[in-house]
Amino acid sequence: MSETPAADTAAPCPRCNTPAALCVCEGITPIDNRIALLILQHPQEQDMELGTARLAALHLKNATLKIGLSWPSLGKALGRNVDPKRWAVLYLGSAKAESVKSEIIALNRKGTPAEDQSLKDIDGIIVLDGTWSQAKALWWRNAWMLKTRRIALNPRRPSRYGKLRREPRRDSVSTLEAAALLLSRLENKPEIETAMIASFEKLLTRYRALRALSKAS
């Protein structure tokens, strides 16, 4: 992925880690979410101006953001004991979703839609944050993910990033968009997606405005 620097060099916000000119976290009230969110962020992604992992986590009371390359187990990453079979990871492989109309698809071990699409028993979801190659590195370095279930997204619209960040596939969206879609659908709480997307669009609007000013000067 590539980005065009647009923000000033002021110290980043300690809460969302974005440059002061791009910070949109003021006023965010965390939402109660039954299904936990675990974001595993590649170390090289944490300084990206348009990264959304911290912003996504700020919106949710039950969210954990960890930066690194590997963890011994899901429990170690979370800091508590959990059953990995009741967790699902947003799978990186290409899902053959043509026959499935749902925006969230349960996959089998072969990466194809599972016969049982029920996800009512999910306790948490794992999202890998980074470029495509960075996310794959996280996948291969954490073999315990094989114990979790796999899900894929079949979003109705492409990422709101547009041309600001290159995505390898149409179904590739930002970490925030993925978390918003997953949690709002699985918990039947549209207010989760509404609040998270509003912050994301505010971030993008500020970024585009700063870039326009930079080009004009």
N, C-alpha and C. Protein backbone atom coordinates (compact mmCIF):
# COMPACT_ATOMS: atom_id res chain seq x y z
N MET A 1 0.84 -1.18 0.00
CA MET A 1 0.00 0.00 0.00
C MET A 1 0.88 1.24 0.00
N SER A 2 0.36 2.34 -0.53
CA SER A 2 1.14 3.56 -0.54
C SER A 2 0.28 4.73 -0.08
N GLU A 3 0.95 5.73 0.51
CA GLU A 3 0.25 6.90 0.98
C GLU A 3 1.04 8.14 0.59
N THR A 4 0.35 9.24 0.44
CA THR A 4 1.01 10.52 0.19
C THR A 4 1.02 11.32 1.47
N PRO A 5 2.19 11.64 2.06
CA PRO A 5 2.22 12.38 3.31
C PRO A 5 1.46 13.70 3.17
N ALA A 6 0.62 14.00 4.16
CA ALA A 6 -0.16 15.22 4.08
C ALA A 6 -0.21 15.96 5.41
N ALA A 7 -0.01 15.26 6.52
CA ALA A 7 -0.15 15.86 7.82
C ALA A 7 1.14 16.52 8.27
N ASP A 8 1.02 17.41 9.25
CA ASP A 8 2.22 18.06 9.75
C ASP A 8 3.03 17.10 10.61
N THR A 9 4.16 17.57 11.10
CA THR A 9 5.06 16.70 11.85
C THR A 9 4.87 16.84 13.36
N ALA A 10 3.75 17.41 13.79
CA ALA A 10 3.48 17.57 15.22
C ALA A 10 3.39 16.20 15.89
N ALA A 11 3.61 16.20 17.20
CA ALA A 11 3.55 14.95 17.95
C ALA A 11 2.19 14.29 17.75
N PRO A 12 2.15 12.98 17.56
CA PRO A 12 0.87 12.31 17.34
C PRO A 12 0.01 12.31 18.59
N CYS A 13 -1.28 12.15 18.40
CA CYS A 13 -2.21 12.05 19.51
C CYS A 13 -1.88 10.79 20.31
N PRO A 14 -1.73 10.89 21.64
CA PRO A 14 -1.38 9.72 22.43
C PRO A 14 -2.49 8.67 22.49
N ARG A 15 -3.69 9.08 22.12
CA ARG A 15 -4.83 8.16 22.18
C ARG A 15 -4.99 7.35 20.90
N CYS A 16 -4.92 8.03 19.75
CA CYS A 16 -5.14 7.32 18.48
C CYS A 16 -3.88 7.20 17.63
N ASN A 17 -2.80 7.86 18.05
CA ASN A 17 -1.48 7.78 17.40
C ASN A 17 -1.45 8.37 16.00
N THR A 18 -2.40 9.25 15.67
CA THR A 18 -2.37 9.93 14.38
C THR A 18 -1.84 11.35 14.58
N PRO A 19 -1.28 11.97 13.54
CA PRO A 19 -0.83 13.35 13.67
C PRO A 19 -1.97 14.24 14.16
N ALA A 20 -1.62 15.29 14.90
CA ALA A 20 -2.64 16.15 15.50
C ALA A 20 -3.64 16.67 14.47
N ALA A 21 -3.16 16.98 13.27
CA ALA A 21 -4.04 17.53 12.23
C ALA A 21 -5.06 16.51 11.72
N LEU A 22 -4.81 15.23 11.97
CA LEU A 22 -5.71 14.19 11.49
C LEU A 22 -6.54 13.55 12.60
N CYS A 23 -6.26 13.91 13.84
CA CYS A 23 -6.93 13.26 14.97
C CYS A 23 -8.43 13.50 14.96
N VAL A 24 -9.18 12.40 15.07
CA VAL A 24 -10.65 12.50 15.10
C VAL A 24 -11.22 11.76 16.32
N CYS A 25 -10.37 11.45 17.28
CA CYS A 25 -10.82 10.59 18.38
C CYS A 25 -11.53 11.35 19.50
N GLU A 26 -11.44 12.68 19.50
CA GLU A 26 -12.11 13.44 20.54
C GLU A 26 -13.62 13.23 20.47
N GLY A 27 -14.21 12.93 21.59
CA GLY A 27 -15.65 12.75 21.64
C GLY A 27 -16.13 11.34 21.37
N ILE A 28 -15.21 10.43 21.05
CA ILE A 28 -15.63 9.04 20.81
C ILE A 28 -16.03 8.39 22.13
N THR A 29 -17.21 7.83 22.17
CA THR A 29 -17.69 7.10 23.34
C THR A 29 -17.70 5.61 23.02
N PRO A 30 -16.90 4.80 23.71
CA PRO A 30 -16.85 3.37 23.41
C PRO A 30 -18.21 2.69 23.52
N ILE A 31 -18.48 1.82 22.58
CA ILE A 31 -19.75 1.10 22.51
C ILE A 31 -19.58 -0.28 23.13
N ASP A 32 -20.61 -0.74 23.87
CA ASP A 32 -20.59 -2.09 24.42
C ASP A 32 -20.67 -3.10 23.28
N ASN A 33 -19.76 -4.04 23.24
CA ASN A 33 -19.80 -5.10 22.24
C ASN A 33 -19.62 -6.45 22.92
N ARG A 34 -20.57 -7.34 22.68
CA ARG A 34 -20.50 -8.68 23.27
C ARG A 34 -19.38 -9.50 22.66
N ILE A 35 -19.26 -9.43 21.33
CA ILE A 35 -18.21 -10.18 20.63
C ILE A 35 -16.92 -9.38 20.69
N ALA A 36 -15.90 -9.96 21.27
CA ALA A 36 -14.63 -9.26 21.46
C ALA A 36 -13.91 -9.07 20.14
N LEU A 37 -13.12 -8.01 20.08
CA LEU A 37 -12.30 -7.74 18.90
C LEU A 37 -10.83 -7.76 19.31
N LEU A 38 -10.03 -8.55 18.61
CA LEU A 38 -8.59 -8.58 18.80
C LEU A 38 -7.93 -8.15 17.50
N ILE A 39 -7.21 -7.04 17.54
CA ILE A 39 -6.48 -6.57 16.36
C ILE A 39 -5.00 -6.86 16.57
N LEU A 40 -4.42 -7.63 15.69
CA LEU A 40 -2.98 -7.90 15.72
C LEU A 40 -2.33 -7.04 14.64
N GLN A 41 -1.54 -6.08 15.07
CA GLN A 41 -0.97 -5.11 14.14
C GLN A 41 0.50 -5.39 13.90
N HIS A 42 0.87 -5.43 12.62
CA HIS A 42 2.28 -5.57 12.26
C HIS A 42 3.02 -4.31 12.70
N PRO A 43 4.22 -4.43 13.28
CA PRO A 43 4.95 -3.26 13.78
C PRO A 43 5.15 -2.15 12.74
N GLN A 44 5.28 -2.51 11.47
CA GLN A 44 5.53 -1.50 10.44
C GLN A 44 4.26 -0.73 10.06
N GLU A 45 3.12 -1.17 10.56
CA GLU A 45 1.86 -0.49 10.23
C GLU A 45 1.51 0.60 11.24
N GLN A 46 2.10 0.56 12.42
CA GLN A 46 1.63 1.44 13.50
C GLN A 46 1.86 2.93 13.26
N ASP A 47 2.78 3.29 12.37
CA ASP A 47 3.04 4.71 12.12
C ASP A 47 2.39 5.24 10.85
N MET A 48 1.54 4.46 10.21
CA MET A 48 0.89 4.90 8.99
C MET A 48 -0.16 5.96 9.30
N GLU A 49 -0.13 7.06 8.55
CA GLU A 49 -1.05 8.17 8.81
C GLU A 49 -2.51 7.76 8.69
N LEU A 50 -2.79 6.90 7.74
CA LEU A 50 -4.18 6.50 7.51
C LEU A 50 -4.50 5.13 8.11
N GLY A 51 -3.69 4.68 9.04
CA GLY A 51 -3.99 3.44 9.73
C GLY A 51 -5.25 3.59 10.58
N THR A 52 -6.02 2.52 10.74
CA THR A 52 -7.31 2.63 11.44
C THR A 52 -7.43 1.71 12.65
N ALA A 53 -6.39 0.95 12.98
CA ALA A 53 -6.49 -0.03 14.05
C ALA A 53 -6.83 0.61 15.40
N ARG A 54 -6.07 1.64 15.77
CA ARG A 54 -6.32 2.29 17.06
C ARG A 54 -7.69 2.97 17.08
N LEU A 55 -8.05 3.58 15.99
CA LEU A 55 -9.35 4.24 15.92
C LEU A 55 -10.47 3.22 16.08
N ALA A 56 -10.32 2.06 15.47
CA ALA A 56 -11.33 1.01 15.59
C ALA A 56 -11.44 0.56 17.04
N ALA A 57 -10.31 0.33 17.69
CA ALA A 57 -10.31 -0.15 19.07
C ALA A 57 -10.92 0.87 20.03
N LEU A 58 -10.72 2.15 19.76
CA LEU A 58 -11.25 3.20 20.63
C LEU A 58 -12.78 3.21 20.65
N HIS A 59 -13.39 2.72 19.59
CA HIS A 59 -14.84 2.74 19.49
C HIS A 59 -15.51 1.64 20.30
N LEU A 60 -14.74 0.67 20.81
CA LEU A 60 -15.34 -0.51 21.43
C LEU A 60 -14.81 -0.74 22.84
N LYS A 61 -15.70 -1.11 23.74
CA LYS A 61 -15.29 -1.40 25.11
C LYS A 61 -14.54 -2.73 25.20
N ASN A 62 -14.93 -3.67 24.36
CA ASN A 62 -14.34 -5.01 24.40
C ASN A 62 -13.43 -5.20 23.20
N ALA A 63 -12.30 -4.49 23.20
CA ALA A 63 -11.37 -4.55 22.08
C ALA A 63 -9.94 -4.54 22.61
N THR A 64 -9.07 -5.29 21.95
CA THR A 64 -7.65 -5.37 22.32
C THR A 64 -6.81 -5.15 21.08
N LEU A 65 -5.83 -4.28 21.17
CA LEU A 65 -4.89 -4.04 20.08
C LEU A 65 -3.50 -4.46 20.54
N LYS A 66 -2.89 -5.36 19.81
CA LYS A 66 -1.54 -5.81 20.13
C LYS A 66 -0.64 -5.58 18.92
N ILE A 67 0.54 -5.04 19.17
CA ILE A 67 1.52 -4.78 18.12
C ILE A 67 2.67 -5.76 18.25
N GLY A 68 3.00 -6.45 17.18
CA GLY A 68 4.07 -7.43 17.22
C GLY A 68 4.01 -8.36 16.03
N LEU A 69 4.80 -9.41 16.09
CA LEU A 69 4.84 -10.37 14.99
C LEU A 69 4.31 -11.75 15.38
N SER A 70 4.46 -12.12 16.66
CA SER A 70 3.98 -13.44 17.05
C SER A 70 3.68 -13.49 18.54
N TRP A 71 2.76 -14.38 18.89
CA TRP A 71 2.36 -14.63 20.27
C TRP A 71 2.23 -16.13 20.44
N PRO A 72 2.52 -16.66 21.63
CA PRO A 72 2.49 -18.12 21.82
C PRO A 72 1.12 -18.74 21.61
N SER A 73 0.07 -17.97 21.92
CA SER A 73 -1.29 -18.50 21.81
C SER A 73 -2.27 -17.35 21.78
N LEU A 74 -3.51 -17.66 21.50
CA LEU A 74 -4.56 -16.65 21.52
C LEU A 74 -4.72 -16.09 22.93
N GLY A 75 -4.66 -16.96 23.92
CA GLY A 75 -4.78 -16.52 25.30
C GLY A 75 -3.68 -15.56 25.70
N LYS A 76 -2.45 -15.81 25.23
CA LYS A 76 -1.33 -14.93 25.54
C LYS A 76 -1.52 -13.56 24.88
N ALA A 77 -2.05 -13.57 23.68
CA ALA A 77 -2.28 -12.30 22.98
C ALA A 77 -3.35 -11.48 23.69
N LEU A 78 -4.36 -12.16 24.23
CA LEU A 78 -5.47 -11.48 24.90
C LEU A 78 -5.19 -11.17 26.36
N GLY A 79 -4.34 -11.98 26.96
CA GLY A 79 -4.08 -11.81 28.39
C GLY A 79 -5.09 -12.53 29.26
N ARG A 80 -5.83 -13.47 28.67
CA ARG A 80 -6.79 -14.26 29.44
C ARG A 80 -7.05 -15.57 28.72
N ASN A 81 -7.54 -16.55 29.45
CA ASN A 81 -7.81 -17.86 28.86
C ASN A 81 -9.11 -17.83 28.06
N VAL A 82 -9.05 -18.33 26.84
CA VAL A 82 -10.22 -18.41 25.97
C VAL A 82 -10.18 -19.71 25.18
N ASP A 83 -11.32 -20.07 24.62
CA ASP A 83 -11.40 -21.25 23.76
C ASP A 83 -11.25 -20.79 22.31
N PRO A 84 -10.13 -21.12 21.64
CA PRO A 84 -9.92 -20.65 20.27
C PRO A 84 -10.99 -21.13 19.29
N LYS A 85 -11.68 -22.22 19.63
CA LYS A 85 -12.73 -22.72 18.74
C LYS A 85 -13.95 -21.81 18.73
N ARG A 86 -14.02 -20.92 19.71
CA ARG A 86 -15.14 -19.99 19.77
C ARG A 86 -14.71 -18.60 19.26
N TRP A 87 -13.57 -18.57 18.61
CA TRP A 87 -13.06 -17.34 17.99
C TRP A 87 -12.91 -17.57 16.50
N ALA A 88 -12.97 -16.49 15.75
CA ALA A 88 -12.81 -16.58 14.29
C ALA A 88 -11.82 -15.53 13.82
N VAL A 89 -11.01 -15.91 12.86
CA VAL A 89 -10.05 -14.98 12.28
C VAL A 89 -10.53 -14.55 10.89
N LEU A 90 -10.37 -13.28 10.60
CA LEU A 90 -10.71 -12.80 9.26
C LEU A 90 -9.67 -13.34 8.30
N TYR A 91 -10.07 -14.29 7.50
CA TYR A 91 -9.15 -15.09 6.68
C TYR A 91 -8.61 -14.29 5.50
N LEU A 92 -7.34 -14.55 5.17
CA LEU A 92 -6.67 -13.82 4.10
C LEU A 92 -6.88 -14.43 2.72
N GLY A 93 -7.21 -15.70 2.70
CA GLY A 93 -7.35 -16.36 1.40
C GLY A 93 -8.56 -15.85 0.63
N SER A 94 -8.55 -16.12 -0.66
CA SER A 94 -9.66 -15.68 -1.51
C SER A 94 -10.82 -16.65 -1.38
N ALA A 95 -11.92 -16.18 -0.86
CA ALA A 95 -13.09 -17.04 -0.68
C ALA A 95 -13.92 -17.09 -1.95
N LYS A 96 -14.37 -18.27 -2.30
CA LYS A 96 -15.25 -18.43 -3.46
C LYS A 96 -16.66 -18.09 -3.01
N ALA A 97 -16.98 -16.80 -3.04
CA ALA A 97 -18.21 -16.33 -2.41
C ALA A 97 -19.36 -16.11 -3.37
N GLU A 98 -19.18 -16.50 -4.61
CA GLU A 98 -20.21 -16.18 -5.59
C GLU A 98 -21.58 -16.75 -5.21
N SER A 99 -21.57 -17.90 -4.55
CA SER A 99 -22.83 -18.56 -4.23
C SER A 99 -23.38 -18.12 -2.88
N VAL A 100 -22.65 -17.25 -2.18
CA VAL A 100 -23.08 -16.80 -0.86
C VAL A 100 -23.37 -15.31 -0.91
N LYS A 101 -24.59 -14.93 -0.57
CA LYS A 101 -24.99 -13.53 -0.66
C LYS A 101 -24.70 -12.74 0.61
N SER A 102 -24.42 -13.45 1.70
CA SER A 102 -24.16 -12.78 2.97
C SER A 102 -22.86 -11.98 2.91
N GLU A 103 -22.80 -10.89 3.69
CA GLU A 103 -21.59 -10.09 3.76
C GLU A 103 -20.51 -10.74 4.61
N ILE A 104 -20.90 -11.69 5.45
CA ILE A 104 -19.96 -12.43 6.29
C ILE A 104 -20.10 -13.91 5.97
N ILE A 105 -19.00 -14.54 5.63
CA ILE A 105 -19.04 -15.93 5.17
C ILE A 105 -18.19 -16.79 6.09
N ALA A 106 -18.79 -17.84 6.63
CA ALA A 106 -18.04 -18.83 7.40
C ALA A 106 -17.35 -19.78 6.42
N LEU A 107 -16.06 -20.00 6.64
CA LEU A 107 -15.27 -20.83 5.73
C LEU A 107 -14.86 -22.14 6.40
N ASN A 108 -14.66 -23.16 5.56
CA ASN A 108 -14.09 -24.40 6.07
C ASN A 108 -12.56 -24.34 5.94
N ARG A 109 -11.90 -25.42 6.27
CA ARG A 109 -10.43 -25.44 6.25
C ARG A 109 -9.85 -25.28 4.85
N LYS A 110 -10.65 -25.51 3.84
CA LYS A 110 -10.19 -25.36 2.46
C LYS A 110 -10.35 -23.94 1.95
N GLY A 111 -10.94 -23.08 2.79
CA GLY A 111 -11.13 -21.69 2.39
C GLY A 111 -12.35 -21.47 1.52
N THR A 112 -13.26 -22.44 1.50
CA THR A 112 -14.51 -22.31 0.75
C THR A 112 -15.67 -22.20 1.73
N PRO A 113 -16.82 -21.63 1.31
CA PRO A 113 -17.95 -21.48 2.23
C PRO A 113 -18.34 -22.78 2.90
N ALA A 114 -18.49 -22.73 4.23
CA ALA A 114 -18.86 -23.91 5.00
C ALA A 114 -20.34 -24.19 4.83
N GLU A 115 -20.72 -25.45 5.03
CA GLU A 115 -22.13 -25.82 4.94
C GLU A 115 -22.93 -25.12 6.03
N ASP A 116 -22.36 -25.03 7.23
CA ASP A 116 -23.01 -24.36 8.35
C ASP A 116 -22.51 -22.92 8.42
N GLN A 117 -23.39 -21.99 8.11
CA GLN A 117 -23.01 -20.58 8.10
C GLN A 117 -23.36 -19.87 9.42
N SER A 118 -23.80 -20.61 10.41
CA SER A 118 -24.17 -20.01 11.69
C SER A 118 -22.91 -19.55 12.44
N LEU A 119 -22.95 -18.33 12.92
CA LEU A 119 -21.84 -17.76 13.70
C LEU A 119 -22.33 -17.21 15.04
N LYS A 120 -23.46 -17.74 15.52
CA LYS A 120 -24.06 -17.22 16.74
C LYS A 120 -23.24 -17.52 17.98
N ASP A 121 -22.38 -18.55 17.91
CA ASP A 121 -21.61 -18.94 19.09
C ASP A 121 -20.22 -18.32 19.14
N ILE A 122 -19.95 -17.34 18.28
CA ILE A 122 -18.63 -16.70 18.24
C ILE A 122 -18.46 -15.78 19.46
N ASP A 123 -17.34 -15.95 20.16
CA ASP A 123 -17.02 -15.08 21.30
C ASP A 123 -16.15 -13.91 20.90
N GLY A 124 -15.39 -14.06 19.81
CA GLY A 124 -14.50 -12.98 19.42
C GLY A 124 -13.99 -13.16 18.00
N ILE A 125 -13.49 -12.07 17.44
CA ILE A 125 -12.92 -12.10 16.10
C ILE A 125 -11.53 -11.50 16.12
N ILE A 126 -10.69 -12.00 15.24
CA ILE A 126 -9.30 -11.55 15.12
C ILE A 126 -9.13 -10.91 13.75
N VAL A 127 -8.58 -9.70 13.73
CA VAL A 127 -8.31 -9.00 12.48
C VAL A 127 -6.83 -8.68 12.42
N LEU A 128 -6.20 -8.99 11.30
CA LEU A 128 -4.77 -8.74 11.10
C LEU A 128 -4.60 -7.40 10.42
N ASP A 129 -3.79 -6.52 11.02
CA ASP A 129 -3.67 -5.15 10.54
C ASP A 129 -2.29 -4.91 9.93
N GLY A 130 -2.28 -4.55 8.66
CA GLY A 130 -1.04 -4.29 7.94
C GLY A 130 -1.27 -4.41 6.45
N THR A 131 -0.21 -4.26 5.67
CA THR A 131 -0.32 -4.49 4.24
C THR A 131 -0.61 -5.97 4.00
N TRP A 132 -0.89 -6.30 2.77
CA TRP A 132 -1.20 -7.70 2.45
C TRP A 132 -0.05 -8.63 2.86
N SER A 133 1.17 -8.27 2.53
CA SER A 133 2.33 -9.11 2.88
C SER A 133 2.55 -9.14 4.39
N GLN A 134 2.31 -8.02 5.07
CA GLN A 134 2.48 -7.98 6.52
C GLN A 134 1.43 -8.85 7.21
N ALA A 135 0.20 -8.80 6.72
CA ALA A 135 -0.86 -9.62 7.30
C ALA A 135 -0.56 -11.11 7.09
N LYS A 136 -0.03 -11.46 5.94
CA LYS A 136 0.34 -12.86 5.69
C LYS A 136 1.46 -13.30 6.61
N ALA A 137 2.39 -12.39 6.91
CA ALA A 137 3.47 -12.71 7.85
C ALA A 137 2.90 -13.01 9.23
N LEU A 138 1.92 -12.22 9.66
CA LEU A 138 1.28 -12.46 10.95
C LEU A 138 0.56 -13.81 10.96
N TRP A 139 -0.08 -14.14 9.85
CA TRP A 139 -0.79 -15.42 9.75
C TRP A 139 0.17 -16.59 9.89
N TRP A 140 1.28 -16.56 9.16
CA TRP A 140 2.21 -17.69 9.18
C TRP A 140 3.02 -17.78 10.47
N ARG A 141 3.20 -16.67 11.16
CA ARG A 141 3.98 -16.68 12.40
C ARG A 141 3.16 -17.10 13.63
N ASN A 142 1.87 -17.21 13.47
CA ASN A 142 1.00 -17.55 14.60
C ASN A 142 0.16 -18.78 14.27
N ALA A 143 0.79 -19.93 14.42
CA ALA A 143 0.16 -21.19 14.03
C ALA A 143 -1.12 -21.49 14.82
N TRP A 144 -1.27 -20.89 15.99
CA TRP A 144 -2.47 -21.13 16.80
C TRP A 144 -3.74 -20.64 16.10
N MET A 145 -3.60 -19.79 15.10
CA MET A 145 -4.78 -19.34 14.37
C MET A 145 -5.48 -20.49 13.65
N LEU A 146 -4.73 -21.56 13.40
CA LEU A 146 -5.33 -22.72 12.74
C LEU A 146 -6.38 -23.38 13.62
N LYS A 147 -6.34 -23.10 14.93
CA LYS A 147 -7.32 -23.66 15.86
C LYS A 147 -8.62 -22.86 15.87
N THR A 148 -8.58 -21.67 15.30
CA THR A 148 -9.77 -20.83 15.29
C THR A 148 -10.60 -21.10 14.03
N ARG A 149 -11.78 -20.56 14.01
CA ARG A 149 -12.61 -20.65 12.82
C ARG A 149 -12.20 -19.55 11.84
N ARG A 150 -12.66 -19.67 10.61
CA ARG A 150 -12.29 -18.70 9.58
C ARG A 150 -13.53 -18.05 9.00
N ILE A 151 -13.42 -16.74 8.79
CA ILE A 151 -14.51 -16.02 8.16
C ILE A 151 -13.93 -15.12 7.08
N ALA A 152 -14.75 -14.77 6.13
CA ALA A 152 -14.34 -13.87 5.06
C ALA A 152 -15.43 -12.82 4.88
N LEU A 153 -15.05 -11.72 4.30
CA LEU A 153 -16.00 -10.65 4.04
C LEU A 153 -16.39 -10.63 2.57
N ASN A 154 -17.64 -10.29 2.34
CA ASN A 154 -18.17 -10.11 0.99
C ASN A 154 -18.90 -8.77 0.99
N PRO A 155 -18.13 -7.66 1.20
CA PRO A 155 -18.76 -6.35 1.38
C PRO A 155 -19.52 -5.89 0.15
N ARG A 156 -20.58 -5.14 0.39
CA ARG A 156 -21.41 -4.66 -0.72
C ARG A 156 -20.77 -3.48 -1.44
N ARG A 157 -19.79 -2.85 -0.81
CA ARG A 157 -19.12 -1.71 -1.43
C ARG A 157 -17.62 -1.81 -1.17
N PRO A 158 -16.81 -1.22 -2.05
CA PRO A 158 -15.35 -1.24 -1.84
C PRO A 158 -14.96 -0.34 -0.68
N SER A 159 -13.71 -0.42 -0.30
CA SER A 159 -13.23 0.38 0.82
C SER A 159 -13.38 1.87 0.54
N ARG A 160 -13.67 2.61 1.60
CA ARG A 160 -13.77 4.06 1.50
C ARG A 160 -12.40 4.71 1.29
N TYR A 161 -11.34 3.97 1.41
CA TYR A 161 -10.01 4.51 1.12
C TYR A 161 -9.94 5.05 -0.31
N GLY A 162 -10.65 4.41 -1.21
CA GLY A 162 -10.58 4.82 -2.61
C GLY A 162 -9.16 4.68 -3.12
N LYS A 163 -8.62 5.74 -3.70
CA LYS A 163 -7.28 5.71 -4.26
C LYS A 163 -6.20 6.08 -3.24
N LEU A 164 -6.59 6.37 -2.01
CA LEU A 164 -5.61 6.78 -1.00
C LEU A 164 -4.70 5.64 -0.57
N ARG A 165 -5.24 4.43 -0.57
CA ARG A 165 -4.43 3.25 -0.27
C ARG A 165 -4.82 2.15 -1.24
N ARG A 166 -3.84 1.49 -1.79
CA ARG A 166 -4.10 0.43 -2.76
C ARG A 166 -4.51 -0.85 -2.04
N GLU A 167 -5.58 -1.47 -2.50
CA GLU A 167 -6.05 -2.72 -1.95
C GLU A 167 -5.88 -3.83 -2.97
N PRO A 168 -5.43 -5.02 -2.55
CA PRO A 168 -5.16 -6.10 -3.50
C PRO A 168 -6.40 -6.71 -4.14
N ARG A 169 -7.54 -6.61 -3.44
CA ARG A 169 -8.78 -7.19 -3.98
C ARG A 169 -9.94 -6.27 -3.65
N ARG A 170 -11.03 -6.43 -4.36
CA ARG A 170 -12.21 -5.60 -4.12
C ARG A 170 -12.74 -5.78 -2.71
N ASP A 171 -12.66 -7.01 -2.17
CA ASP A 171 -13.20 -7.26 -0.84
C ASP A 171 -12.25 -6.85 0.28
N SER A 172 -11.11 -6.26 -0.08
CA SER A 172 -10.16 -5.78 0.93
C SER A 172 -10.61 -4.41 1.41
N VAL A 173 -10.81 -4.29 2.71
CA VAL A 173 -11.22 -3.02 3.30
C VAL A 173 -10.30 -2.70 4.46
N SER A 174 -10.42 -1.50 5.00
CA SER A 174 -9.59 -1.12 6.14
C SER A 174 -9.94 -1.97 7.36
N THR A 175 -9.02 -1.98 8.33
CA THR A 175 -9.28 -2.71 9.57
C THR A 175 -10.53 -2.20 10.25
N LEU A 176 -10.71 -0.90 10.27
CA LEU A 176 -11.90 -0.32 10.89
C LEU A 176 -13.17 -0.74 10.17
N GLU A 177 -13.16 -0.69 8.84
CA GLU A 177 -14.34 -1.08 8.08
C GLU A 177 -14.68 -2.55 8.30
N ALA A 178 -13.64 -3.38 8.35
CA ALA A 178 -13.85 -4.81 8.57
C ALA A 178 -14.47 -5.06 9.94
N ALA A 179 -13.90 -4.45 10.98
CA ALA A 179 -14.42 -4.63 12.33
C ALA A 179 -15.84 -4.10 12.45
N ALA A 180 -16.10 -2.95 11.84
CA ALA A 180 -17.44 -2.36 11.89
C ALA A 180 -18.47 -3.26 11.24
N LEU A 181 -18.15 -3.80 10.08
CA LEU A 181 -19.07 -4.67 9.38
C LEU A 181 -19.31 -5.96 10.18
N LEU A 182 -18.22 -6.57 10.63
CA LEU A 182 -18.33 -7.84 11.35
C LEU A 182 -19.18 -7.71 12.61
N LEU A 183 -18.83 -6.74 13.46
CA LEU A 183 -19.51 -6.63 14.74
C LEU A 183 -20.96 -6.15 14.60
N SER A 184 -21.18 -5.21 13.69
CA SER A 184 -22.56 -4.71 13.54
C SER A 184 -23.48 -5.80 13.01
N ARG A 185 -22.98 -6.65 12.13
CA ARG A 185 -23.82 -7.72 11.58
C ARG A 185 -23.98 -8.87 12.58
N LEU A 186 -22.88 -9.30 13.20
CA LEU A 186 -22.94 -10.44 14.11
C LEU A 186 -23.74 -10.13 15.37
N GLU A 187 -23.71 -8.87 15.81
CA GLU A 187 -24.45 -8.49 17.01
C GLU A 187 -25.78 -7.81 16.69
N ASN A 188 -26.03 -7.61 15.41
CA ASN A 188 -27.25 -6.91 15.00
C ASN A 188 -27.34 -5.54 15.65
N LYS A 189 -26.22 -4.82 15.62
CA LYS A 189 -26.15 -3.47 16.18
C LYS A 189 -25.64 -2.52 15.10
N PRO A 190 -26.52 -1.99 14.27
CA PRO A 190 -26.08 -1.09 13.19
C PRO A 190 -25.39 0.16 13.71
N GLU A 191 -25.66 0.53 14.98
CA GLU A 191 -25.03 1.73 15.53
C GLU A 191 -23.52 1.59 15.64
N ILE A 192 -23.01 0.36 15.72
CA ILE A 192 -21.56 0.15 15.75
C ILE A 192 -20.94 0.61 14.45
N GLU A 193 -21.50 0.15 13.34
CA GLU A 193 -20.97 0.53 12.03
C GLU A 193 -21.17 2.02 11.78
N THR A 194 -22.31 2.55 12.16
CA THR A 194 -22.59 3.97 11.94
C THR A 194 -21.55 4.85 12.62
N ALA A 195 -21.25 4.57 13.89
CA ALA A 195 -20.29 5.39 14.63
C ALA A 195 -18.87 5.23 14.10
N MET A 196 -18.47 4.00 13.80
CA MET A 196 -17.10 3.77 13.35
C MET A 196 -16.85 4.35 11.97
N ILE A 197 -17.80 4.18 11.07
CA ILE A 197 -17.63 4.70 9.72
C ILE A 197 -17.65 6.22 9.72
N ALA A 198 -18.43 6.82 10.59
CA ALA A 198 -18.46 8.28 10.68
C ALA A 198 -17.07 8.82 11.04
N SER A 199 -16.39 8.17 11.97
CA SER A 199 -15.04 8.60 12.34
C SER A 199 -14.06 8.39 11.19
N PHE A 200 -14.20 7.26 10.49
CA PHE A 200 -13.30 6.96 9.38
C PHE A 200 -13.47 7.98 8.26
N GLU A 201 -14.70 8.31 7.93
CA GLU A 201 -14.94 9.29 6.86
C GLU A 201 -14.44 10.68 7.27
N LYS A 202 -14.52 10.99 8.55
CA LYS A 202 -14.00 12.26 9.05
C LYS A 202 -12.48 12.30 8.89
N LEU A 203 -11.82 11.18 9.19
CA LEU A 203 -10.37 11.08 9.02
C LEU A 203 -9.98 11.28 7.56
N LEU A 204 -10.68 10.61 6.66
CA LEU A 204 -10.38 10.71 5.23
C LEU A 204 -10.62 12.11 4.70
N THR A 205 -11.69 12.75 5.17
CA THR A 205 -11.98 14.12 4.75
C THR A 205 -10.86 15.06 5.17
N ARG A 206 -10.38 14.92 6.39
CA ARG A 206 -9.28 15.77 6.86
C ARG A 206 -8.00 15.50 6.07
N TYR A 207 -7.75 14.24 5.77
CA TYR A 207 -6.54 13.89 5.03
C TYR A 207 -6.57 14.50 3.63
N ARG A 208 -7.70 14.37 2.96
CA ARG A 208 -7.81 14.92 1.60
C ARG A 208 -7.68 16.43 1.61
N ALA A 209 -8.25 17.08 2.62
CA ALA A 209 -8.15 18.54 2.72
C ALA A 209 -6.70 18.97 2.93
N LEU A 210 -5.98 18.26 3.78
CA LEU A 210 -4.58 18.59 4.02
C LEU A 210 -3.73 18.35 2.78
N ARG A 211 -4.04 17.30 2.06
CA ARG A 211 -3.29 17.02 0.84
C ARG A 211 -3.55 18.09 -0.20
N ALA A 212 -4.79 18.57 -0.29
CA ALA A 212 -5.12 19.62 -1.24
C ALA A 212 -4.38 20.91 -0.90
N LEU A 213 -4.30 21.23 0.40
CA LEU A 213 -3.56 22.42 0.84
C LEU A 213 -2.08 22.30 0.51
N SER A 214 -1.56 21.09 0.71
CA SER A 214 -0.14 20.85 0.44
C SER A 214 0.17 21.05 -1.04
N LYS A 215 -0.73 20.58 -1.91
CA LYS A 215 -0.51 20.74 -3.35
C LYS A 215 -0.64 22.19 -3.79
N ALA A 216 -1.50 22.94 -3.10
CA ALA A 216 -1.76 24.32 -3.48
C ALA A 216 -0.64 25.26 -3.04
N SER A 217 0.09 24.88 -2.01
CA SER A 217 1.13 25.74 -1.48
C SER A 217 2.45 25.61 -2.23
